[in-house]
Amino acid sequence: MPFIPHTEEDVKEMLASIGASSIEELFDEIPSDLKTGALTRVPPGMSEMEISRLMLERAQADGFYLSFIGAGAYEHHIPAAVWQITTRGEFYSSYTPYQAEASQGTLQLLYEYQTMMASLTGMDVSNASLYDGATALAEAALMAVRQHKTSRRILVPRTVHPVYRKVLSAIVRNQDIEVVEIPFCPESGQVLLEHLEPFGQEDFAALVIPQPNFFGVLEQVDAMTDWAHAKHSSVIAVVNPMSLAMLVPPGEWGAQGADIAVGEGQPLGIPLSSGGPYFGFMTCKHDLVRQMPGRIIGRTVDLDNKPGFVLTLQAREQHIRRSKATSNICTNQGLMVTAATIYMSLLGPEGLRQVAAQSHANMLQLAEQLEQLPGVKRVYSGPCFHEVALTLPGPVNEILQALKEQGILGGLNLQEHYPELENALLVCTTETKTADDLNKYSEMLGKILKKYG
């Protein structure tokens, strides 16, 4: 925990220097009826030793689990150097670098981040950054509508993460933008061209394409991209950045590539931590850069011809007239972006490929082992990255609880988001899982499933 060195004498000296008699006097502009008064239900303070003991006991009570849950938040190994550097004072306390002359280090790091993300996605431009992957999708939809001008409809497959779809609808519903959901093939788990054809005669601003989709299945991105472009609509790619170390990047989908690529940056060096904080990334083609929300860092030279970094594009209401702003919610997740930049720098292209390849190999191995158990089979035939949907011979929540009692978080119950997928489980593996981990999962699940015949 942080050490706060201010003694009572220090506090008195600081108050005296500003002419205040107490800390409470610093807040005298707050009306008394708005103040909470004494915190009677808050227990008395504890010593450092006592609080350390308490937190240790609670951590032990939580236990240690072997996790096979993915669904948008992934457990990857993070080298110790990543957060050792990220939490240095120069990065840890920094905010948006409004004063370029005093923020060259932060600006350079963000510039490097943009370069890495543009390279990873195969796109022209990256911003730095957005709140999370779900709001990044909503921002991309708004971009597409502004660019298209005549249509305010977005086609979104049901294979897109259900939380992303909810956030998208919540943000655009009051802006007269219609979100039209597209069905998927119950055999392959993919959106096929036949599912798109009913919309072929309609005007729409963009088609969203997830890769991989929520079921871990790879979509037919080339065909879907070309279909949308033939209708003069934009393509919004929602991608797992780790998968791009193995898969074709969005900028190379189809004949022309996707127009916008967004996603959640958590796999790139951000630990699992009760749901966040994470960060959203966004890249796009150069002709869409004026529609891009957030901030773009540029490299330039000063009057002495020395290189420097500046905020090139600032499309927020803090910087321009509110009516001209592209977004009022495009929060910059600078600390998370810092960690991701350091993570990608340490691993490099080959390191990322190795992580992706091992994650994929573990998924294939686990799926093969689990399919040998009675009543377990794959839900979809489409190719997968590092997640797979399986049908179990009994109630998923009941089986997951039994696994949890054995120290295993077995996956996500898909029926909670897709009512038609009864007894379906989404399982994820990353490079962190060993052969022993996979064997333990399959053995424990096998024992549990015996009660279901």
Protein backbone atom coordinates (compact mmCIF):
# COMPACT_ATOMS: atom_id res chain seq x y z
CA MET A 1 0.00 0.00 0.00
CA PRO A 2 1.23 3.59 -0.59
CA PHE A 3 2.97 5.42 2.24
CA ILE A 4 1.61 8.93 2.87
CA PRO A 5 4.35 10.85 4.72
CA HIS A 6 2.33 13.85 5.95
CA THR A 7 2.51 14.21 9.72
CA GLU A 8 0.11 16.35 11.73
CA GLU A 9 2.78 19.06 11.86
CA ASP A 10 3.13 18.93 8.06
CA VAL A 11 -0.61 19.38 7.67
CA LYS A 12 -0.65 22.35 10.07
CA GLU A 13 2.20 24.05 8.19
CA MET A 14 0.50 23.58 4.81
CA LEU A 15 -2.82 24.93 6.12
CA ALA A 16 -1.06 27.92 7.70
CA SER A 17 0.70 28.74 4.44
CA ILE A 18 -2.62 29.06 2.61
CA GLY A 19 -4.43 30.77 5.47
CA ALA A 20 -6.82 27.96 6.39
CA SER A 21 -7.49 26.78 9.93
CA SER A 22 -8.54 23.22 9.05
CA ILE A 23 -8.93 20.82 6.15
CA GLU A 24 -12.72 21.13 6.51
CA GLU A 25 -12.42 24.85 5.76
CA LEU A 26 -11.16 23.96 2.28
CA PHE A 27 -14.64 22.63 1.51
CA ASP A 28 -16.71 25.40 3.10
CA GLU A 29 -18.36 26.21 -0.24
CA ILE A 30 -20.30 22.93 -0.03
CA PRO A 31 -23.73 23.53 1.59
CA SER A 32 -23.99 21.87 5.00
CA ASP A 33 -27.15 19.97 4.04
CA LEU A 34 -25.16 18.18 1.32
CA LYS A 35 -22.45 16.98 3.66
CA THR A 36 -22.74 13.46 5.06
CA GLY A 37 -21.64 14.32 8.55
CA ALA A 38 -20.07 11.65 10.73
CA LEU A 39 -19.59 8.26 9.12
CA THR A 40 -21.16 6.29 11.96
CA ARG A 41 -21.32 2.97 10.06
CA VAL A 42 -17.68 3.00 9.00
CA PRO A 43 -15.50 0.98 11.42
CA PRO A 44 -12.48 2.62 13.06
CA GLY A 45 -9.21 2.69 11.16
CA MET A 46 -6.83 -0.25 11.27
CA SER A 47 -3.06 -0.34 11.42
CA GLU A 48 -0.99 -1.28 8.39
CA MET A 49 -0.25 -4.71 9.89
CA GLU A 50 -3.93 -5.32 10.66
CA ILE A 51 -5.16 -4.33 7.21
CA SER A 52 -2.47 -6.44 5.55
CA ARG A 53 -3.58 -9.44 7.60
CA LEU A 54 -7.23 -8.82 6.78
CA MET A 55 -6.61 -8.59 3.03
CA LEU A 56 -4.49 -11.73 3.08
CA GLU A 57 -7.26 -13.65 4.85
CA ARG A 58 -9.85 -12.45 2.35
CA ALA A 59 -7.61 -13.35 -0.59
CA GLN A 60 -7.18 -16.86 0.81
CA ALA A 61 -10.95 -17.13 1.30
CA ASP A 62 -11.48 -16.29 -2.37
CA GLY A 63 -9.26 -19.24 -3.25
CA PHE A 64 -7.26 -19.94 -6.39
CA TYR A 65 -9.08 -21.19 -9.45
CA LEU A 66 -7.95 -22.64 -12.75
CA SER A 67 -9.92 -20.48 -15.19
CA PHE A 68 -11.24 -21.52 -18.60
CA ILE A 69 -13.53 -18.50 -18.95
CA GLY A 70 -12.93 -16.14 -21.86
CA ALA A 71 -15.86 -14.37 -23.54
CA GLY A 72 -14.02 -11.11 -24.07
CA ALA A 73 -11.63 -11.09 -21.08
CA TYR A 74 -8.55 -13.28 -21.43
CA GLU A 75 -5.88 -14.54 -19.06
CA HIS A 76 -2.49 -14.15 -20.74
CA HIS A 77 0.94 -14.20 -19.15
CA ILE A 78 2.18 -10.66 -18.53
CA PRO A 79 5.96 -10.23 -18.15
CA ALA A 80 6.85 -8.62 -14.83
CA ALA A 81 8.59 -5.75 -16.60
CA VAL A 82 5.30 -4.53 -18.11
CA TRP A 83 3.72 -3.20 -14.94
CA GLN A 84 7.03 -2.47 -13.25
CA ILE A 85 7.58 0.14 -15.96
CA THR A 86 3.93 1.18 -16.32
CA THR A 87 3.63 2.10 -12.64
CA ARG A 88 6.68 4.34 -12.61
CA GLY A 89 5.72 7.84 -11.56
CA GLU A 90 6.35 9.30 -15.03
CA PHE A 91 3.53 7.15 -16.47
CA TYR A 92 1.36 6.29 -13.49
CA SER A 93 0.29 9.84 -12.68
CA SER A 94 0.11 11.27 -16.19
CA TYR A 95 -3.11 12.33 -17.87
CA THR A 96 -3.93 13.63 -21.33
CA PRO A 97 -0.78 15.40 -22.59
CA TYR A 98 -2.31 18.81 -23.29
CA GLN A 99 1.04 20.61 -22.96
CA ALA A 100 3.20 19.01 -25.62
CA GLU A 101 6.39 20.70 -24.44
CA ALA A 102 6.01 19.05 -21.02
CA SER A 103 4.72 15.68 -22.20
CA GLN A 104 7.13 14.45 -24.85
CA GLY A 105 7.63 11.06 -23.18
CA THR A 106 3.91 10.33 -22.95
CA LEU A 107 3.30 11.59 -26.48
CA GLN A 108 6.08 9.45 -27.91
CA LEU A 109 4.72 6.36 -26.16
CA LEU A 110 1.23 7.01 -27.54
CA TYR A 111 2.72 7.57 -30.99
CA GLU A 112 4.47 4.20 -30.75
CA TYR A 113 1.21 2.61 -29.59
CA GLN A 114 -0.64 4.01 -32.61
CA THR A 115 2.05 2.67 -34.92
CA MET A 116 1.83 -0.80 -33.38
CA MET A 117 -1.96 -0.95 -33.53
CA ALA A 118 -2.09 0.28 -37.13
CA SER A 119 0.46 -2.38 -38.04
CA LEU A 120 -1.37 -5.11 -36.13
CA THR A 121 -4.73 -4.35 -37.77
CA GLY A 122 -3.33 -3.49 -41.20
CA MET A 123 -5.00 -0.07 -41.16
CA ASP A 124 -3.75 3.46 -41.88
CA VAL A 125 -4.49 5.37 -38.67
CA SER A 126 -4.98 4.62 -34.97
CA ASN A 127 -6.27 6.82 -32.16
CA ALA A 128 -5.10 6.69 -28.54
CA SER A 129 -7.50 5.44 -27.17
CA LEU A 130 -11.12 4.67 -26.17
CA TYR A 131 -12.93 3.59 -23.01
CA ASP A 132 -13.36 -0.11 -23.85
CA GLY A 133 -14.13 -2.47 -26.71
CA ALA A 134 -17.90 -2.11 -26.48
CA THR A 135 -17.94 1.69 -26.60
CA ALA A 136 -15.34 1.54 -29.38
CA LEU A 137 -17.90 -0.38 -31.47
CA ALA A 138 -20.52 2.27 -30.74
CA GLU A 139 -18.09 5.02 -31.77
CA ALA A 140 -17.35 3.14 -34.99
CA ALA A 141 -21.05 2.93 -35.77
CA LEU A 142 -21.39 6.69 -35.27
CA MET A 143 -18.39 7.22 -37.55
CA ALA A 144 -19.96 5.10 -40.28
CA VAL A 145 -23.26 6.98 -40.07
CA ARG A 146 -21.50 10.35 -40.34
CA GLN A 147 -19.52 9.11 -43.32
CA HIS A 148 -22.48 7.51 -45.14
CA LYS A 149 -24.79 10.52 -44.71
CA THR A 150 -27.95 8.90 -46.16
CA SER A 151 -28.49 5.84 -43.97
CA ARG A 152 -28.77 5.50 -40.21
CA ARG A 153 -28.91 1.69 -40.09
CA ILE A 154 -26.16 -0.65 -38.83
CA LEU A 155 -26.20 -4.38 -39.58
CA VAL A 156 -24.92 -6.36 -36.59
CA PRO A 157 -24.64 -10.18 -36.55
CA ARG A 158 -25.91 -12.00 -33.46
CA THR A 159 -22.44 -13.54 -33.32
CA VAL A 160 -21.09 -10.20 -32.02
CA HIS A 161 -20.45 -10.19 -28.26
CA PRO A 162 -23.89 -9.74 -26.60
CA VAL A 163 -22.57 -7.06 -24.23
CA TYR A 164 -21.15 -5.13 -27.18
CA ARG A 165 -24.54 -5.28 -28.88
CA LYS A 166 -26.27 -4.00 -25.74
CA VAL A 167 -23.83 -1.10 -25.34
CA LEU A 168 -24.12 -0.23 -29.04
CA SER A 169 -27.92 -0.11 -28.83
CA ALA A 170 -27.88 1.92 -25.61
CA ILE A 171 -25.59 4.58 -27.11
CA VAL A 172 -27.21 4.98 -30.54
CA ARG A 173 -30.90 4.34 -29.81
CA ASN A 174 -31.63 7.99 -29.00
CA GLN A 175 -29.71 9.25 -32.02
CA ASP A 176 -32.19 7.87 -34.52
CA ILE A 177 -29.84 5.04 -35.52
CA GLU A 178 -31.31 1.58 -36.07
CA VAL A 179 -29.37 -1.55 -35.12
CA VAL A 180 -30.51 -4.49 -37.27
CA GLU A 181 -29.47 -7.93 -36.02
CA ILE A 182 -28.48 -10.66 -38.49
CA PRO A 183 -28.99 -14.39 -37.76
CA PHE A 184 -26.24 -16.99 -38.05
CA CYS A 185 -25.90 -20.57 -39.24
CA PRO A 186 -26.81 -23.02 -36.43
CA GLU A 187 -24.41 -25.62 -37.88
CA SER A 188 -21.24 -23.59 -38.52
CA GLY A 189 -21.78 -20.72 -36.05
CA GLN A 190 -21.01 -18.23 -38.84
CA VAL A 191 -22.91 -15.56 -40.71
CA LEU A 192 -23.31 -16.79 -44.29
CA LEU A 193 -24.02 -14.71 -47.38
CA GLU A 194 -27.52 -16.16 -47.45
CA HIS A 195 -28.16 -14.42 -44.12
CA LEU A 196 -27.06 -11.10 -45.63
CA GLU A 197 -29.03 -11.32 -48.88
CA PRO A 198 -32.39 -10.22 -47.35
CA PHE A 199 -30.70 -6.86 -46.70
CA GLY A 200 -29.19 -6.59 -50.17
CA GLN A 201 -31.78 -4.15 -51.48
CA GLU A 202 -31.73 -1.94 -48.39
CA ASP A 203 -29.60 1.10 -47.61
CA PHE A 204 -27.34 0.71 -44.57
CA ALA A 205 -24.33 2.60 -43.25
CA ALA A 206 -22.18 -0.30 -42.09
CA LEU A 207 -21.86 -4.02 -41.56
CA VAL A 208 -20.18 -5.18 -38.34
CA ILE A 209 -17.97 -8.27 -38.66
CA PRO A 210 -16.57 -9.99 -35.53
CA GLN A 211 -13.34 -11.98 -35.87
CA PRO A 212 -13.34 -14.32 -34.04
CA ASN A 213 -17.01 -14.12 -33.15
CA PHE A 214 -18.46 -14.61 -29.66
CA PHE A 215 -18.48 -18.39 -30.08
CA GLY A 216 -14.77 -18.35 -30.92
CA VAL A 217 -15.60 -19.19 -34.55
CA LEU A 218 -13.88 -17.47 -37.47
CA GLU A 219 -16.28 -15.63 -39.77
CA GLN A 220 -16.05 -15.58 -43.57
CA VAL A 221 -14.61 -12.08 -43.46
CA ASP A 222 -13.54 -11.74 -47.11
CA ALA A 223 -16.96 -12.57 -48.52
CA MET A 224 -18.77 -10.41 -45.96
CA THR A 225 -16.45 -7.45 -46.57
CA ASP A 226 -16.85 -7.57 -50.34
CA TRP A 227 -20.63 -7.92 -49.98
CA ALA A 228 -20.88 -4.78 -47.84
CA HIS A 229 -18.62 -2.75 -50.09
CA ALA A 230 -20.68 -3.77 -53.11
CA LYS A 231 -23.62 -2.10 -51.32
CA HIS A 232 -21.52 1.08 -50.80
CA SER A 233 -21.46 0.54 -47.05
CA SER A 234 -18.62 0.59 -44.53
CA VAL A 235 -17.21 -2.48 -42.81
CA ILE A 236 -16.55 -2.35 -39.07
CA ALA A 237 -14.25 -5.12 -37.85
CA VAL A 238 -14.51 -6.16 -34.18
CA VAL A 239 -11.34 -8.13 -33.51
CA ASN A 240 -9.36 -9.82 -30.76
CA PRO A 241 -5.92 -8.18 -31.09
CA MET A 242 -4.09 -11.35 -30.03
CA SER A 243 -5.71 -13.32 -32.86
CA LEU A 244 -4.26 -10.86 -35.38
CA ALA A 245 -0.81 -12.30 -34.72
CA MET A 246 -2.09 -15.36 -36.64
CA LEU A 247 -5.03 -14.21 -38.75
CA VAL A 248 -5.30 -11.90 -41.75
CA PRO A 249 -5.63 -8.32 -40.42
CA PRO A 250 -8.86 -6.36 -41.11
CA GLY A 251 -7.03 -3.99 -43.47
CA GLU A 252 -6.57 -6.94 -45.86
CA TRP A 253 -10.08 -8.41 -45.73
CA GLY A 254 -11.64 -8.86 -49.15
CA ALA A 255 -10.63 -6.73 -52.09
CA GLN A 256 -10.46 -3.40 -50.22
CA GLY A 257 -10.11 -4.25 -46.53
CA ALA A 258 -12.31 -3.20 -43.63
CA ASP A 259 -12.91 0.54 -43.13
CA ILE A 260 -12.75 0.60 -39.33
CA ALA A 261 -11.28 -1.89 -36.86
CA VAL A 262 -12.11 -1.81 -33.16
CA GLY A 263 -11.82 -4.11 -30.19
CA GLU A 264 -10.81 -4.63 -26.60
CA GLY A 265 -7.12 -4.17 -25.82
CA GLN A 266 -7.17 -6.16 -22.56
CA PRO A 267 -5.34 -9.22 -24.01
CA LEU A 268 -2.30 -7.00 -24.58
CA GLY A 269 -0.80 -6.89 -21.09
CA ILE A 270 -3.83 -5.98 -18.96
CA PRO A 271 -4.56 -8.41 -16.08
CA LEU A 272 -7.96 -9.80 -15.20
CA SER A 273 -9.19 -7.59 -12.38
CA SER A 274 -12.91 -7.82 -11.60
CA GLY A 275 -13.92 -6.37 -14.95
CA GLY A 276 -11.40 -3.65 -15.61
CA PRO A 277 -10.08 -1.15 -16.26
CA TYR A 278 -9.54 -2.06 -19.91
CA PHE A 279 -9.16 0.03 -23.06
CA GLY A 280 -10.73 0.18 -26.48
CA PHE A 281 -8.65 0.51 -29.61
CA MET A 282 -9.72 1.95 -32.95
CA THR A 283 -7.97 2.06 -36.31
CA CYS A 284 -9.33 3.14 -39.67
CA LYS A 285 -8.53 4.02 -43.25
CA HIS A 286 -7.02 7.42 -43.92
CA ASP A 287 -10.13 8.84 -45.61
CA LEU A 288 -12.09 8.34 -42.36
CA VAL A 289 -9.59 10.07 -40.08
CA ARG A 290 -11.68 13.25 -39.76
CA GLN A 291 -14.54 11.16 -38.41
CA MET A 292 -12.38 9.42 -35.82
CA PRO A 293 -13.09 10.25 -32.14
CA GLY A 294 -10.43 10.68 -29.50
CA ARG A 295 -6.88 11.82 -29.99
CA ILE A 296 -4.20 11.17 -32.58
CA ILE A 297 -0.55 11.83 -31.77
CA GLY A 298 1.66 13.11 -34.60
CA ARG A 299 5.40 13.42 -35.13
CA THR A 300 6.76 16.76 -36.30
CA VAL A 301 9.86 18.98 -36.08
CA ASP A 302 10.37 22.21 -34.16
CA LEU A 303 11.95 25.48 -35.34
CA ASP A 304 15.40 23.96 -34.85
CA ASN A 305 14.41 20.97 -37.01
CA LYS A 306 14.45 18.65 -34.01
CA PRO A 307 11.81 15.87 -33.91
CA GLY A 308 8.93 16.19 -31.46
CA PHE A 309 5.44 14.89 -30.80
CA VAL A 310 2.12 16.75 -30.65
CA LEU A 311 -1.62 16.18 -30.38
CA THR A 312 -2.47 16.28 -34.09
CA LEU A 313 -6.18 15.53 -33.92
CA GLN A 314 -8.41 16.32 -30.92
CA ALA A 315 -12.02 15.75 -31.90
CA ARG A 316 -13.53 16.10 -28.43
CA GLU A 317 -15.72 18.86 -27.07
CA GLN A 318 -12.86 19.85 -24.73
CA HIS A 319 -10.95 21.11 -27.74
CA ILE A 320 -13.53 22.21 -30.32
CA ARG A 321 -17.12 23.42 -30.40
CA ARG A 322 -19.50 20.87 -28.96
CA SER A 323 -21.53 20.76 -32.18
CA LYS A 324 -18.38 19.82 -34.10
CA ALA A 325 -17.15 17.15 -31.68
CA THR A 326 -17.20 13.57 -32.93
CA SER A 327 -17.68 12.25 -29.39
CA ASN A 328 -18.12 13.37 -25.82
CA ILE A 329 -17.35 9.97 -24.26
CA CYS A 330 -14.11 8.90 -25.97
CA THR A 331 -12.16 8.55 -22.72
CA ASN A 332 -8.42 8.07 -23.13
CA GLN A 333 -7.19 5.01 -21.20
CA GLY A 334 -3.61 6.22 -21.12
CA LEU A 335 -2.28 3.95 -18.37
CA MET A 336 -3.72 0.81 -19.98
CA VAL A 337 -2.34 1.88 -23.36
CA THR A 338 1.05 2.36 -21.73
CA ALA A 339 0.99 -1.23 -20.45
CA ALA A 340 -0.12 -2.54 -23.86
CA THR A 341 2.67 -0.66 -25.64
CA ILE A 342 5.30 -2.05 -23.29
CA TYR A 343 3.80 -5.54 -23.60
CA MET A 344 3.89 -5.47 -27.41
CA SER A 345 7.41 -4.01 -27.37
CA LEU A 346 8.69 -6.80 -25.12
CA LEU A 347 7.06 -9.64 -27.04
CA GLY A 348 7.51 -8.30 -30.55
CA PRO A 349 5.76 -9.79 -33.62
CA GLU A 350 7.24 -13.27 -33.12
CA GLY A 351 6.37 -13.33 -29.42
CA LEU A 352 2.75 -12.39 -30.16
CA ARG A 353 2.60 -15.13 -32.81
CA GLN A 354 3.88 -17.68 -30.31
CA VAL A 355 1.28 -16.65 -27.72
CA ALA A 356 -1.53 -16.85 -30.28
CA ALA A 357 -0.31 -20.18 -31.66
CA GLN A 358 -0.03 -21.80 -28.23
CA SER A 359 -3.47 -20.51 -27.23
CA HIS A 360 -4.93 -22.03 -30.40
CA ALA A 361 -3.08 -25.32 -29.92
CA ASN A 362 -4.35 -25.60 -26.34
CA MET A 363 -7.91 -25.08 -27.55
CA LEU A 364 -7.58 -27.87 -30.12
CA GLN A 365 -6.11 -30.21 -27.52
CA LEU A 366 -8.75 -29.47 -24.88
CA ALA A 367 -11.63 -29.74 -27.38
CA GLU A 368 -10.32 -33.13 -28.52
CA GLN A 369 -10.08 -34.40 -24.95
CA LEU A 370 -13.52 -33.13 -23.94
CA GLU A 371 -15.22 -34.53 -27.04
CA GLN A 372 -14.12 -37.99 -25.92
CA LEU A 373 -16.37 -37.66 -22.85
CA PRO A 374 -19.89 -39.13 -23.18
CA GLY A 375 -22.44 -36.56 -24.27
CA VAL A 376 -19.93 -33.78 -25.03
CA LYS A 377 -19.70 -32.46 -28.57
CA ARG A 378 -18.91 -29.27 -30.42
CA VAL A 379 -21.83 -26.98 -31.11
CA TYR A 380 -20.39 -25.47 -34.30
CA SER A 381 -18.33 -26.84 -37.18
CA GLY A 382 -16.62 -23.56 -38.09
CA PRO A 383 -12.88 -23.10 -37.42
CA CYS A 384 -11.98 -21.56 -34.04
CA PHE A 385 -9.16 -19.50 -32.54
CA HIS A 386 -8.88 -20.14 -28.79
CA GLU A 387 -12.50 -20.55 -27.69
CA VAL A 388 -14.94 -23.35 -28.48
CA ALA A 389 -18.65 -23.92 -27.79
CA LEU A 390 -19.55 -27.37 -26.45
CA THR A 391 -22.84 -29.11 -25.68
CA LEU A 392 -22.97 -30.93 -22.34
CA PRO A 393 -25.30 -33.79 -21.32
CA GLY A 394 -26.64 -31.89 -18.32
CA PRO A 395 -27.49 -28.41 -16.95
CA VAL A 396 -24.51 -26.12 -17.51
CA ASN A 397 -24.82 -24.07 -14.32
CA GLU A 398 -25.02 -27.21 -12.21
CA ILE A 399 -21.93 -28.66 -13.91
CA LEU A 400 -20.03 -25.36 -13.60
CA GLN A 401 -20.78 -25.25 -9.87
CA ALA A 402 -19.45 -28.78 -9.46
CA LEU A 403 -16.28 -27.81 -11.33
CA LYS A 404 -15.88 -24.71 -9.18
CA GLU A 405 -15.95 -26.87 -6.07
CA GLN A 406 -12.93 -28.65 -7.57
CA GLY A 407 -11.09 -25.35 -8.15
CA ILE A 408 -11.97 -24.99 -11.84
CA LEU A 409 -13.88 -22.14 -13.50
CA GLY A 410 -15.13 -24.19 -16.41
CA GLY A 411 -16.43 -21.58 -18.85
CA LEU A 412 -19.48 -19.48 -19.70
CA ASN A 413 -23.08 -20.68 -19.93
CA LEU A 414 -24.11 -19.63 -23.44
CA GLN A 415 -27.81 -20.10 -22.77
CA GLU A 416 -27.78 -16.98 -20.62
CA HIS A 417 -27.17 -14.93 -23.78
CA TYR A 418 -28.60 -17.28 -26.43
CA PRO A 419 -31.75 -18.99 -25.09
CA GLU A 420 -31.78 -21.48 -27.97
CA LEU A 421 -28.38 -22.90 -26.93
CA GLU A 422 -29.52 -25.23 -24.19
CA ASN A 423 -26.74 -26.93 -22.21
CA ALA A 424 -24.08 -25.10 -24.24
CA LEU A 425 -20.76 -24.04 -22.69
CA LEU A 426 -18.13 -21.62 -24.03
CA VAL A 427 -14.61 -22.72 -23.06
CA CYS A 428 -11.39 -20.71 -23.53
CA THR A 429 -7.71 -21.58 -23.41
CA THR A 430 -4.68 -19.32 -23.60
CA GLU A 431 -0.94 -19.95 -23.53
CA THR A 432 -1.09 -20.00 -19.72
CA LYS A 433 -2.68 -23.47 -19.68
CA THR A 434 -0.34 -26.46 -19.36
CA ALA A 435 -0.95 -30.06 -20.39
CA ASP A 436 -1.62 -30.83 -16.72
CA ASP A 437 -4.25 -28.08 -16.61
CA LEU A 438 -6.03 -29.50 -19.66
CA ASN A 439 -5.89 -33.01 -18.23
CA LYS A 440 -7.24 -31.85 -14.87
CA TYR A 441 -10.17 -30.11 -16.56
CA SER A 442 -11.12 -33.10 -18.71
CA GLU A 443 -10.69 -35.59 -15.85
CA MET A 444 -12.80 -33.56 -13.42
CA LEU A 445 -15.49 -32.92 -16.02
CA GLY A 446 -15.55 -36.62 -16.87
CA LYS A 447 -16.16 -37.53 -13.23
CA ILE A 448 -18.91 -34.93 -12.89
CA LEU A 449 -20.70 -36.05 -16.08
CA LYS A 450 -21.01 -39.65 -14.88
CA LYS A 451 -24.11 -38.68 -12.89
CA TYR A 452 -25.80 -37.67 -16.14
CA GLY A 453 -25.36 -41.12 -17.70
